Amino acid sequence: MHAARTALNRDPDLRDWAEQWLKDRERIGREEMNNEEFDKHWRYVKPERMHDGAIDAVTAFLERNGAR
């Protein structure tokens, strides 16, 4: 967990990619929300999702883009 969080904090491109990946994953099952409702929802759950999903997001990034 620590290594994934450190990577997100040190690499803004990775962090942006991971945030979008986690946001897309959060959107699944919430299709009934319009964009405005979902953006409000994301604003409140983002810190927890970024923390809890750090390992999954960094792993997905490395699988798609190769190790740096």
C-alpha atoms as a PDB file:
ATOM      1  CA  MET A   1       0.000   0.000   0.000  1.00  0.00           C
ATOM      2  CA  HIS A   2       2.736   2.429   0.984  1.00  0.00           C
ATOM      3  CA  ALA A   3       4.665   1.929  -2.255  1.00  0.00           C
ATOM      4  CA  ALA A   4       1.538   2.490  -4.358  1.00  0.00           C
ATOM      5  CA  ARG A   5       0.576   5.648  -2.454  1.00  0.00           C
ATOM      6  CA  THR A   6       4.146   6.945  -2.762  1.00  0.00           C
ATOM      7  CA  ALA A   7       4.106   6.321  -6.516  1.00  0.00           C
ATOM      8  CA  LEU A   8       0.842   8.252  -6.847  1.00  0.00           C
ATOM      9  CA  ASN A   9       2.246  11.137  -4.823  1.00  0.00           C
ATOM     10  CA  ARG A  10       5.470  11.328  -6.821  1.00  0.00           C
ATOM     11  CA  ASP A  11       4.118  10.963 -10.356  1.00  0.00           C
ATOM     12  CA  PRO A  12       1.358  13.408 -11.351  1.00  0.00           C
ATOM     13  CA  ASP A  13       0.693  11.588 -14.647  1.00  0.00           C
ATOM     14  CA  LEU A  14       0.249   8.290 -12.834  1.00  0.00           C
ATOM     15  CA  ARG A  15      -1.990   9.955 -10.246  1.00  0.00           C
ATOM     16  CA  ASP A  16      -4.198  11.504 -12.950  1.00  0.00           C
ATOM     17  CA  TRP A  17      -4.442   8.176 -14.763  1.00  0.00           C
ATOM     18  CA  ALA A  18      -5.212   6.298 -11.536  1.00  0.00           C
ATOM     19  CA  GLU A  19      -7.857   8.816 -10.505  1.00  0.00           C
ATOM     20  CA  GLN A  20      -9.637   8.496 -13.848  1.00  0.00           C
ATOM     21  CA  TRP A  21      -9.375   4.690 -13.710  1.00  0.00           C
ATOM     22  CA  LEU A  22     -10.843   4.609 -10.206  1.00  0.00           C
ATOM     23  CA  LYS A  23     -13.524   7.125 -11.152  1.00  0.00           C
ATOM     24  CA  ASP A  24     -14.535   4.974 -14.138  1.00  0.00           C
ATOM     25  CA  ARG A  25     -14.677   1.926 -11.866  1.00  0.00           C
ATOM     26  CA  GLU A  26     -16.799   3.844  -9.333  1.00  0.00           C
ATOM     27  CA  ARG A  27     -19.210   4.837 -12.113  1.00  0.00           C
ATOM     28  CA  ILE A  28     -20.108   1.190 -12.796  1.00  0.00           C
ATOM     29  CA  GLY A  29     -23.441   0.464 -11.175  1.00  0.00           C
ATOM     30  CA  ARG A  30     -24.279   4.143 -10.838  1.00  0.00           C
ATOM     31  CA  GLU A  31     -25.508   4.737 -14.365  1.00  0.00           C
ATOM     32  CA  GLU A  32     -28.778   6.148 -13.010  1.00  0.00           C
ATOM     33  CA  MET A  33     -26.865   9.193 -11.740  1.00  0.00           C
ATOM     34  CA  ASN A  34     -26.492  12.030 -14.187  1.00  0.00           C
ATOM     35  CA  ASN A  35     -23.014  13.549 -14.607  1.00  0.00           C
ATOM     36  CA  GLU A  36     -23.647  16.314 -12.091  1.00  0.00           C
ATOM     37  CA  GLU A  37     -24.880  13.863  -9.449  1.00  0.00           C
ATOM     38  CA  PHE A  38     -21.959  11.535 -10.054  1.00  0.00           C
ATOM     39  CA  ASP A  39     -19.399  14.363  -9.901  1.00  0.00           C
ATOM     40  CA  LYS A  40     -20.830  15.395  -6.516  1.00  0.00           C
ATOM     41  CA  HIS A  41     -20.720  11.775  -5.350  1.00  0.00           C
ATOM     42  CA  TRP A  42     -17.110  11.399  -6.569  1.00  0.00           C
ATOM     43  CA  ARG A  43     -16.021  14.535  -4.739  1.00  0.00           C
ATOM     44  CA  TYR A  44     -17.074  12.927  -1.439  1.00  0.00           C
ATOM     45  CA  VAL A  45     -15.777   9.389  -2.013  1.00  0.00           C
ATOM     46  CA  LYS A  46     -12.583  10.274  -3.916  1.00  0.00           C
ATOM     47  CA  PRO A  47     -10.200  10.362  -0.923  1.00  0.00           C
ATOM     48  CA  GLU A  48     -11.281   6.931   0.284  1.00  0.00           C
ATOM     49  CA  ARG A  49     -11.316   5.412  -3.217  1.00  0.00           C
ATOM     50  CA  MET A  50      -7.878   6.832  -4.024  1.00  0.00           C
ATOM     51  CA  HIS A  51      -6.509   5.394  -0.786  1.00  0.00           C
ATOM     52  CA  ASP A  52      -8.228   2.014  -0.950  1.00  0.00           C
ATOM     53  CA  GLY A  53      -7.707   1.612  -4.703  1.00  0.00           C
ATOM     54  CA  ALA A  54      -4.070   2.704  -4.907  1.00  0.00           C
ATOM     55  CA  ILE A  55      -2.642  -0.799  -5.308  1.00  0.00           C
ATOM     56  CA  ASP A  56      -5.250  -1.829  -7.905  1.00  0.00           C
ATOM     57  CA  ALA A  57      -4.802   1.393  -9.872  1.00  0.00           C
ATOM     58  CA  VAL A  58      -0.989   1.267  -9.933  1.00  0.00           C
ATOM     59  CA  THR A  59      -1.112  -2.409 -10.896  1.00  0.00           C
ATOM     60  CA  ALA A  60      -3.538  -1.664 -13.739  1.00  0.00           C
ATOM     61  CA  PHE A  61      -1.349   1.210 -14.904  1.00  0.00           C
ATOM     62  CA  LEU A  62       1.761  -0.964 -14.965  1.00  0.00           C
ATOM     63  CA  GLU A  63      -0.057  -3.761 -16.803  1.00  0.00           C
ATOM     64  CA  ARG A  64      -1.296  -1.355 -19.479  1.00  0.00           C
ATOM     65  CA  ASN A  65       1.779   0.826 -19.809  1.00  0.00           C
ATOM     66  CA  GLY A  66       4.680  -1.354 -18.720  1.00  0.00           C
ATOM     67  CA  ALA A  67       6.973  -0.760 -15.765  1.00  0.00           C
ATOM     68  CA  ARG A  68       8.801   2.531 -15.633  1.00  0.00           C
END
